[in-house]
Every structure is written in C-alpha cells, then in structure tokens.
Amino acid sequence: MPTLNRQIRLRARPDGIPQAEHFELAEAPLEPLTAGQFRVRNDYLSVDPAMRGWVSAVGNYSTPVGLGEVMRSFAAGEVVESRHPDYPVGERVMGLFGWQRYAVSDGRSVIRKVREHDLPLSASLGILGLNGITAYLGLTEIGQPKAGETVVVSTAAGSVGSAVGQIAKLLGCGTVGITGGPEKVDLCRAEFGYDAALDYKAESDLSAAVAAACPDGVHVYFDNTAGAVSDAVHPHLAIGARVVICGTASIASWDPPPVGPRVERHILVKRARMQGFLFFDHAAKFDAAVAQLADWLRAGTLRHREDILDGIEQAPGAIAGLYRGENLGKRLIRLTDA
C-alpha cells in the first residue's frame, strides 16, 4: 500500500465555469483506518456539469466545496483495506469519493455497490450511474412519456441526453435532439437513434426548426440547457406537456438575465407542467433503474460513449472542457498509478 494519496483540491473560488487554475494537485499521507472505516482505491473519477455548482459561492442543493478541500466528485473503485463488516476487500463501489486516488469512507459516501461484474466499472459512473439514472428516472418519473408522443432533448448527444433519447425510443416515443455541431448531429442520428437532430449553432431559426420537427407539438421536453435553446422549444409545447428541468448548462452566471423570454404564459396556455429533477432525491429507485439500464445495455439496445482522460493531472481542466463541448460521451478520468 502506498503511503501518499494524490488529490485535486479547490485552490480558488471560480466566478462561473471553473478552470484549471482554480485547482491544485496535492499529496497527503494515507492515515490508518479506524473501526467502521474502509479505504477505496479509485479507478475512475467522474467529470460532470453539476460540479460547476458544487464550487460556486452561491449555494444550491449542496454546501459549496471549501477552499483547500478535495474536489467533490463521483468516483468508482475497489475496497483495498477495510475495518467495516459490510465492505470487504475486493468490493466494487461507486460514491462521492472525490478527485483523489484513495478515499476513506464509513459507508455514508457510497451511492451503491457495483454488482454488474460483467460490465465495465467505468459504466457505473455514466450509463449505470449519475447520467443513466438521471436520464431514466427524470424521463419516466417526471416526463411520464406515453407511446406515440414526441420527446425533445437538449444537449442530445451528451451523456444524459443521449440516454434520454434512446430510452424514449424504447418506450415508443418519437424523438428530436438538439445539439451543437455537425459531428454531434450525426452521432444523434446514427448512434443514438433520434428521429431528427437539430444543430442549434447552424439553424437560422431554431424555433421554426422545432416546429417543423414536431408537427403535433412537444409532449415532453427534457431540458439540460435553459437559455436560448429552451426559449425556442417552449412555444411549441403541446397541451398537457411535461418539462423536465435537469440542467442550466447554457447560463454562464447563476444570476438570471433581467429581461428576456419568460415561460409562464406557455405553461398557462398549454396547461403544461415544469418540474426540476435532482438525482439525490430518488435514491430509493436507483437499484431498479440500474437493473433496467443494465438489461438494455447487455441486450445492445442502449448505447453509450465514454470520453476518457488518463491521469489525475487531467482533472483540473476537465470541467471547463465539458462546457466547451470537447467531449463526445461521458467524461472520465482514469487512474492507473499505484
């Protein structure tokens, strides 16, 4: 067992999207375990858009990461030392273990034990983790799609959006994806099976393009962006539409603009429902969601991509890269050093 632990800590509080300079690589001694603790060797670290909010000075649903603290993140790995009866050596786990090679837990930071030994551990952070569970439960619990309805998804080629589109198709819905750039448009159509894919960067009138792609209106809108993309979708909501608010990736600052389009009139006239989805609120349904996602994955009816960066040194700039759209698939940091 090594004596030092490599960590990425928050060095400075960002104003907006965190950049590489807001983090620092540090080393800390591995302290002995006490009764009820176990040590996890992280093999994969997750990189998620939500991490922007976790370091913001403006608290949201969680306390901001403190300066000098290990960056909060989901991670997956193996128990390598244990003084906890429920977590023996060799157990694979996924949880909030942070951007570090080794994490000590008493079990409270564990999201779930990874039982899908026939599938890659990395999947527990993506299609079988935060992203896939968010897609499945956000769509089915809040979106409540019915066969024959039209589901529109923003950031449709992303790790959440791509899963939403495929799940909607599996449930018998028509799907329209909104993404940025021709490569991602092709990916939405060819790999993720969207019936139509719109390039918001290229469309001169995105609202008209949404109307053309959704002649019967938008029954479910899975919103990962807010902003101008959502402004283009809202006028085309069908009567009784459901809007799932999953993210606000297009908003650079947490302060909303003082003027601009508002959604209230659309919600009123279309008798639509808009509701936010937060992963942590649905823990009781994680196991059932993962079981369904894993079955689809094994059957080849659910596809996913991973964007893997090697080495913990890649972590500091990885969040900013997400917001620049550099990744094609779930972004992960792979750790292979001792």
Protein backbone atom coordinates (compact mmCIF):
# COMPACT_ATOMS: atom_id res chain seq x y z
CA MET A 1 0.00 0.00 0.00
CA PRO A 2 1.42 3.43 -0.92
CA THR A 3 1.96 5.95 1.85
CA LEU A 4 0.81 9.05 -0.08
CA ASN A 5 -2.52 9.94 -1.67
CA ARG A 6 -2.69 12.18 -4.75
CA GLN A 7 -5.57 14.65 -4.66
CA ILE A 8 -7.07 17.54 -6.60
CA ARG A 9 -8.08 20.35 -4.25
CA LEU A 10 -10.03 23.55 -4.85
CA ARG A 11 -7.49 26.39 -4.79
CA ALA A 12 -9.66 29.40 -5.65
CA ARG A 13 -13.37 30.13 -5.93
CA PRO A 14 -14.42 30.50 -9.60
CA ASP A 15 -16.85 33.09 -10.89
CA GLY A 16 -18.70 30.98 -13.42
CA ILE A 17 -17.22 27.89 -15.01
CA PRO A 18 -14.21 26.51 -13.06
CA GLN A 19 -10.93 26.49 -14.95
CA ALA A 20 -7.72 24.54 -14.42
CA GLU A 21 -6.19 27.37 -12.38
CA HIS A 22 -8.89 27.04 -9.74
CA PHE A 23 -7.50 23.64 -8.70
CA GLU A 24 -4.20 22.27 -7.45
CA LEU A 25 -2.59 18.83 -7.34
CA ALA A 26 -1.50 17.87 -3.83
CA GLU A 27 -0.35 14.86 -1.85
CA ALA A 28 -1.48 13.77 1.59
CA PRO A 29 -0.40 10.87 3.82
CA LEU A 30 -2.63 7.81 3.99
CA GLU A 31 -3.88 7.74 7.56
CA PRO A 32 -4.62 4.44 9.37
CA LEU A 33 -8.25 3.31 9.34
CA THR A 34 -10.38 3.34 12.45
CA ALA A 35 -13.15 0.88 13.29
CA GLY A 36 -16.05 1.16 10.83
CA GLN A 37 -13.95 2.63 8.02
CA PHE A 38 -12.70 1.25 4.70
CA ARG A 39 -10.36 2.53 2.01
CA VAL A 40 -11.32 2.72 -1.66
CA ARG A 41 -8.76 2.84 -4.47
CA ASN A 42 -10.50 4.98 -7.07
CA ASP A 43 -10.00 3.74 -10.62
CA TYR A 44 -12.27 6.27 -12.35
CA LEU A 45 -13.20 9.83 -11.42
CA SER A 46 -16.29 11.45 -12.85
CA VAL A 47 -16.48 14.85 -14.53
CA ASP A 48 -20.00 16.32 -14.54
CA PRO A 49 -21.58 19.68 -15.40
CA ALA A 50 -23.09 19.77 -11.90
CA MET A 51 -19.59 20.25 -10.48
CA ARG A 52 -19.75 23.87 -11.55
CA GLY A 53 -22.48 24.41 -8.97
CA TRP A 54 -20.60 22.50 -6.30
CA VAL A 55 -17.75 25.04 -6.32
CA SER A 56 -19.92 28.13 -6.72
CA ALA A 57 -20.01 30.63 -3.87
CA VAL A 58 -23.78 30.66 -4.34
CA GLY A 59 -25.02 27.51 -2.62
CA ASN A 60 -27.62 25.42 -4.42
CA TYR A 61 -28.69 21.98 -3.23
CA SER A 62 -25.34 21.23 -1.57
CA THR A 63 -22.78 23.07 0.53
CA PRO A 64 -20.06 24.54 -1.71
CA VAL A 65 -16.71 22.73 -1.70
CA GLY A 66 -14.41 24.59 0.67
CA LEU A 67 -11.13 26.14 -0.39
CA GLY A 68 -8.33 23.66 0.18
CA GLU A 69 -10.73 20.71 0.19
CA VAL A 70 -10.60 17.72 -2.16
CA MET A 71 -12.87 18.41 -5.12
CA ARG A 72 -16.21 16.69 -4.64
CA SER A 73 -16.97 14.12 -7.32
CA PHE A 74 -18.42 10.74 -8.01
CA ALA A 75 -15.80 8.03 -8.33
CA ALA A 76 -15.70 4.27 -8.72
CA GLY A 77 -13.16 1.82 -7.41
CA GLU A 78 -12.39 -1.15 -5.21
CA VAL A 79 -12.11 -1.58 -1.46
CA VAL A 80 -8.44 -2.30 -0.74
CA GLU A 81 -8.45 -2.13 3.05
CA SER A 82 -11.36 -2.48 5.44
CA ARG A 83 -12.43 -2.33 9.06
CA HIS A 84 -16.12 -2.33 8.10
CA PRO A 85 -18.09 -5.61 8.02
CA ASP A 86 -20.30 -4.56 5.10
CA TYR A 87 -17.46 -3.52 2.79
CA PRO A 88 -14.90 -6.32 2.47
CA VAL A 89 -11.69 -6.05 0.49
CA GLY A 90 -12.46 -6.57 -3.19
CA GLU A 91 -15.93 -4.95 -3.08
CA ARG A 92 -16.54 -2.59 -6.02
CA VAL A 93 -18.29 0.65 -5.06
CA MET A 94 -19.40 3.93 -6.56
CA GLY A 95 -19.89 7.04 -4.48
CA LEU A 96 -18.93 10.59 -3.65
CA PHE A 97 -15.27 9.81 -3.05
CA GLY A 98 -13.75 12.95 -4.56
CA TRP A 99 -11.00 13.67 -7.04
CA GLN A 100 -8.32 11.55 -5.38
CA ARG A 101 -6.65 8.17 -5.78
CA TYR A 102 -7.68 6.84 -2.36
CA ALA A 103 -10.77 7.67 -0.32
CA VAL A 104 -11.73 6.68 3.22
CA SER A 105 -15.42 6.08 3.92
CA ASP A 106 -17.69 4.78 6.65
CA GLY A 107 -20.34 3.91 4.07
CA ARG A 108 -22.24 7.19 4.02
CA SER A 109 -20.47 8.40 0.87
CA VAL A 110 -21.34 5.22 -1.03
CA ILE A 111 -24.09 5.58 -3.62
CA ARG A 112 -24.22 1.87 -4.39
CA LYS A 113 -22.23 -1.34 -4.53
CA VAL A 114 -21.38 -2.23 -8.14
CA ARG A 115 -22.80 -5.69 -8.76
CA GLU A 116 -22.63 -5.74 -12.58
CA HIS A 117 -19.35 -7.64 -12.77
CA ASP A 118 -19.94 -8.48 -16.44
CA LEU A 119 -19.93 -4.78 -17.35
CA PRO A 120 -17.04 -2.27 -17.15
CA LEU A 121 -16.60 -0.47 -13.84
CA SER A 122 -16.49 2.83 -15.73
CA ALA A 123 -20.15 2.35 -16.70
CA SER A 124 -21.11 2.78 -13.03
CA LEU A 125 -20.26 6.48 -13.36
CA GLY A 126 -22.08 7.02 -16.65
CA ILE A 127 -24.82 4.97 -18.20
CA LEU A 128 -25.24 2.95 -14.96
CA GLY A 129 -24.53 5.90 -12.71
CA LEU A 130 -25.44 9.57 -12.37
CA ASN A 131 -26.10 10.07 -16.07
CA GLY A 132 -28.11 6.99 -16.90
CA ILE A 133 -30.11 7.09 -13.67
CA THR A 134 -30.86 10.78 -14.21
CA ALA A 135 -31.99 10.08 -17.76
CA TYR A 136 -34.18 7.13 -16.82
CA LEU A 137 -35.81 8.49 -13.68
CA GLY A 138 -36.04 12.08 -14.91
CA LEU A 139 -37.82 10.92 -18.05
CA THR A 140 -40.07 8.27 -16.53
CA GLU A 141 -40.89 9.86 -13.17
CA ILE A 142 -41.34 13.48 -14.29
CA GLY A 143 -41.64 13.34 -18.08
CA GLN A 144 -44.00 10.34 -17.97
CA PRO A 145 -43.86 9.77 -21.74
CA LYS A 146 -46.57 7.82 -23.49
CA ALA A 147 -46.10 5.77 -26.66
CA GLY A 148 -46.63 7.93 -29.71
CA GLU A 149 -45.69 11.20 -28.01
CA THR A 150 -42.78 13.41 -29.08
CA VAL A 151 -39.84 13.88 -26.71
CA VAL A 152 -37.40 16.73 -27.33
CA VAL A 153 -33.99 16.66 -25.64
CA SER A 154 -31.40 19.43 -25.37
CA THR A 155 -27.68 18.52 -25.24
CA ALA A 156 -28.94 15.44 -27.04
CA ALA A 157 -25.51 13.94 -27.69
CA GLY A 158 -24.36 14.33 -24.09
CA SER A 159 -24.12 11.55 -21.54
CA VAL A 160 -27.57 12.31 -20.10
CA GLY A 161 -29.27 13.49 -23.27
CA SER A 162 -28.17 10.55 -25.41
CA ALA A 163 -29.62 8.15 -22.84
CA VAL A 164 -32.89 10.10 -22.62
CA GLY A 165 -33.37 9.90 -26.38
CA GLN A 166 -32.74 6.17 -26.52
CA ILE A 167 -34.98 5.41 -23.53
CA ALA A 168 -37.77 7.48 -25.07
CA LYS A 169 -37.47 5.42 -28.27
CA LEU A 170 -37.55 2.19 -26.27
CA LEU A 171 -40.80 3.44 -24.71
CA GLY A 172 -42.34 4.01 -28.14
CA CYS A 173 -41.91 7.78 -28.47
CA GLY A 174 -40.72 9.94 -31.33
CA THR A 175 -37.51 11.77 -30.51
CA VAL A 176 -35.96 15.08 -31.53
CA GLY A 177 -32.49 16.00 -30.31
CA ILE A 178 -30.97 19.47 -30.12
CA THR A 179 -27.19 19.60 -30.14
CA GLY A 180 -24.28 21.69 -31.39
CA GLY A 181 -22.21 20.93 -34.49
CA PRO A 182 -22.47 18.50 -37.42
CA GLU A 183 -20.48 15.73 -35.72
CA LYS A 184 -22.90 15.63 -32.79
CA VAL A 185 -25.90 15.82 -35.12
CA ASP A 186 -24.60 12.76 -36.98
CA LEU A 187 -23.99 10.99 -33.66
CA CYS A 188 -27.56 11.67 -32.53
CA ARG A 189 -29.00 10.18 -35.68
CA ALA A 190 -26.63 7.31 -36.44
CA GLU A 191 -25.71 6.06 -32.97
CA PHE A 192 -28.44 7.23 -30.61
CA GLY A 193 -31.36 6.76 -32.99
CA TYR A 194 -33.05 10.15 -32.82
CA ASP A 195 -35.76 10.62 -35.42
CA ALA A 196 -34.49 14.15 -36.01
CA ALA A 197 -31.49 16.13 -34.79
CA LEU A 198 -31.20 19.92 -34.89
CA ASP A 199 -27.96 21.89 -34.81
CA TYR A 200 -28.68 24.98 -32.73
CA LYS A 201 -25.43 26.53 -33.94
CA ALA A 202 -26.42 26.25 -37.60
CA GLU A 203 -30.18 26.83 -37.58
CA SER A 204 -31.09 30.39 -38.56
CA ASP A 205 -34.47 29.96 -36.83
CA LEU A 206 -34.31 27.21 -34.23
CA SER A 207 -37.92 27.76 -33.16
CA ALA A 208 -39.13 27.16 -36.72
CA ALA A 209 -36.96 24.04 -36.94
CA VAL A 210 -38.51 22.69 -33.73
CA ALA A 211 -41.99 23.37 -35.12
CA ALA A 212 -41.18 21.51 -38.33
CA ALA A 213 -39.74 18.52 -36.46
CA CYS A 214 -42.68 18.37 -34.02
CA PRO A 215 -45.88 18.88 -36.05
CA ASP A 216 -48.05 17.63 -33.17
CA GLY A 217 -46.16 19.69 -30.60
CA VAL A 218 -43.64 18.78 -27.89
CA HIS A 219 -45.17 16.44 -25.33
CA VAL A 220 -42.03 16.05 -23.19
CA TYR A 221 -39.12 18.45 -23.14
CA PHE A 222 -36.04 17.20 -21.29
CA ASP A 223 -34.17 20.44 -20.65
CA ASN A 224 -30.45 20.31 -19.93
CA THR A 225 -29.61 23.85 -21.02
CA ALA A 226 -32.18 26.57 -20.28
CA GLY A 227 -31.42 29.76 -22.21
CA ALA A 228 -31.99 30.36 -25.90
CA VAL A 229 -32.47 26.70 -26.80
CA SER A 230 -35.31 26.35 -24.34
CA ASP A 231 -36.79 29.67 -25.45
CA ALA A 232 -37.07 28.12 -28.92
CA VAL A 233 -38.83 24.99 -27.61
CA HIS A 234 -41.37 26.44 -25.17
CA PRO A 235 -43.73 27.99 -27.78
CA HIS A 236 -44.25 24.51 -29.25
CA LEU A 237 -45.30 22.68 -26.10
CA ALA A 238 -48.35 20.50 -26.62
CA ILE A 239 -51.42 20.68 -24.41
CA GLY A 240 -50.53 18.94 -21.16
CA ALA A 241 -46.79 18.87 -21.91
CA ARG A 242 -44.26 17.97 -19.24
CA VAL A 243 -40.95 19.84 -18.97
CA VAL A 244 -38.12 18.17 -17.05
CA ILE A 245 -35.56 20.69 -15.77
CA CYS A 246 -32.30 18.79 -15.45
CA GLY A 247 -29.66 21.46 -16.04
CA THR A 248 -28.90 25.05 -16.99
CA ALA A 249 -25.69 24.48 -18.91
CA SER A 250 -26.12 27.47 -21.25
CA ILE A 251 -26.27 30.03 -18.43
CA ALA A 252 -22.77 31.27 -17.71
CA SER A 253 -23.71 33.01 -14.47
CA TRP A 254 -26.16 31.94 -11.79
CA ASP A 255 -27.83 35.38 -11.92
CA PRO A 256 -30.69 35.22 -14.45
CA PRO A 257 -30.86 37.94 -17.12
CA PRO A 258 -33.07 40.90 -16.11
CA VAL A 259 -35.10 40.79 -19.33
CA GLY A 260 -35.88 38.18 -21.93
CA PRO A 261 -38.41 35.48 -22.81
CA ARG A 262 -40.44 34.05 -19.97
CA VAL A 263 -42.07 30.64 -19.83
CA GLU A 264 -45.12 31.36 -17.64
CA ARG A 265 -47.51 32.16 -20.49
CA HIS A 266 -46.61 28.98 -22.35
CA ILE A 267 -47.11 26.89 -19.21
CA LEU A 268 -50.50 28.51 -18.59
CA VAL A 269 -51.90 28.35 -22.12
CA LYS A 270 -50.70 24.78 -22.73
CA ARG A 271 -51.63 23.61 -19.21
CA ALA A 272 -48.12 22.22 -19.06
CA ARG A 273 -46.12 21.12 -16.04
CA MET A 274 -42.49 22.02 -15.36
CA GLN A 275 -40.51 20.28 -12.62
CA GLY A 276 -36.88 20.05 -11.61
CA PHE A 277 -35.09 16.73 -11.28
CA LEU A 278 -32.33 16.17 -8.73
CA PHE A 279 -30.53 12.82 -8.68
CA PHE A 280 -30.16 12.65 -4.90
CA ASP A 281 -33.92 12.84 -4.31
CA HIS A 282 -34.56 9.42 -5.87
CA ALA A 283 -32.11 7.11 -4.07
CA ALA A 284 -34.79 4.52 -3.28
CA LYS A 285 -35.22 3.87 -7.01
CA PHE A 286 -31.54 3.66 -8.01
CA ASP A 287 -31.28 -0.13 -7.92
CA ALA A 288 -34.38 -0.68 -10.06
CA ALA A 289 -33.20 1.94 -12.54
CA VAL A 290 -29.73 0.41 -12.83
CA ALA A 291 -31.21 -3.07 -13.29
CA GLN A 292 -33.30 -1.88 -16.25
CA LEU A 293 -30.45 0.11 -17.78
CA ALA A 294 -28.05 -2.84 -17.42
CA ASP A 295 -30.53 -5.17 -19.13
CA TRP A 296 -30.84 -2.78 -22.07
CA LEU A 297 -27.05 -2.40 -22.17
CA ARG A 298 -26.49 -6.17 -22.28
CA ALA A 299 -29.14 -6.54 -24.98
CA GLY A 300 -27.42 -3.94 -27.15
CA THR A 301 -30.49 -1.69 -27.26
CA LEU A 302 -28.85 1.08 -25.19
CA ARG A 303 -25.62 2.63 -26.41
CA HIS A 304 -23.21 4.91 -24.64
CA ARG A 305 -19.86 6.55 -25.21
CA GLU A 306 -17.04 7.40 -22.85
CA ASP A 307 -14.53 10.22 -23.15
CA ILE A 308 -11.62 9.05 -21.00
CA LEU A 309 -8.67 11.21 -19.94
CA ASP A 310 -5.72 9.39 -18.40
CA GLY A 311 -4.11 10.59 -15.18
CA ILE A 312 -5.28 12.72 -12.28
CA GLU A 313 -3.30 15.61 -13.77
CA GLN A 314 -6.04 15.88 -16.43
CA ALA A 315 -8.74 16.63 -13.88
CA PRO A 316 -8.30 20.38 -13.22
CA GLY A 317 -9.22 21.46 -16.75
CA ALA A 318 -11.78 18.74 -17.37
CA ILE A 319 -14.89 20.64 -16.24
CA ALA A 320 -14.15 23.63 -18.46
CA GLY A 321 -13.67 21.22 -21.35
CA LEU A 322 -17.21 19.93 -20.84
CA TYR A 323 -18.61 23.43 -21.24
CA ARG A 324 -16.53 23.94 -24.39
CA GLY A 325 -18.13 20.80 -25.81
CA GLU A 326 -14.84 18.93 -26.19
CA ASN A 327 -16.16 15.55 -25.11
CA LEU A 328 -18.09 13.01 -27.15
CA GLY A 329 -19.53 10.86 -24.39
CA LYS A 330 -19.30 10.61 -20.63
CA ARG A 331 -16.10 12.30 -19.46
CA LEU A 332 -14.00 10.30 -17.00
CA ILE A 333 -10.53 10.46 -15.50
CA ARG A 334 -8.82 7.06 -15.44
CA LEU A 335 -6.28 6.44 -12.67
CA THR A 336 -3.73 3.70 -13.15
CA ASP A 337 -0.81 4.80 -10.96
CA ALA A 338 -0.07 3.00 -7.69
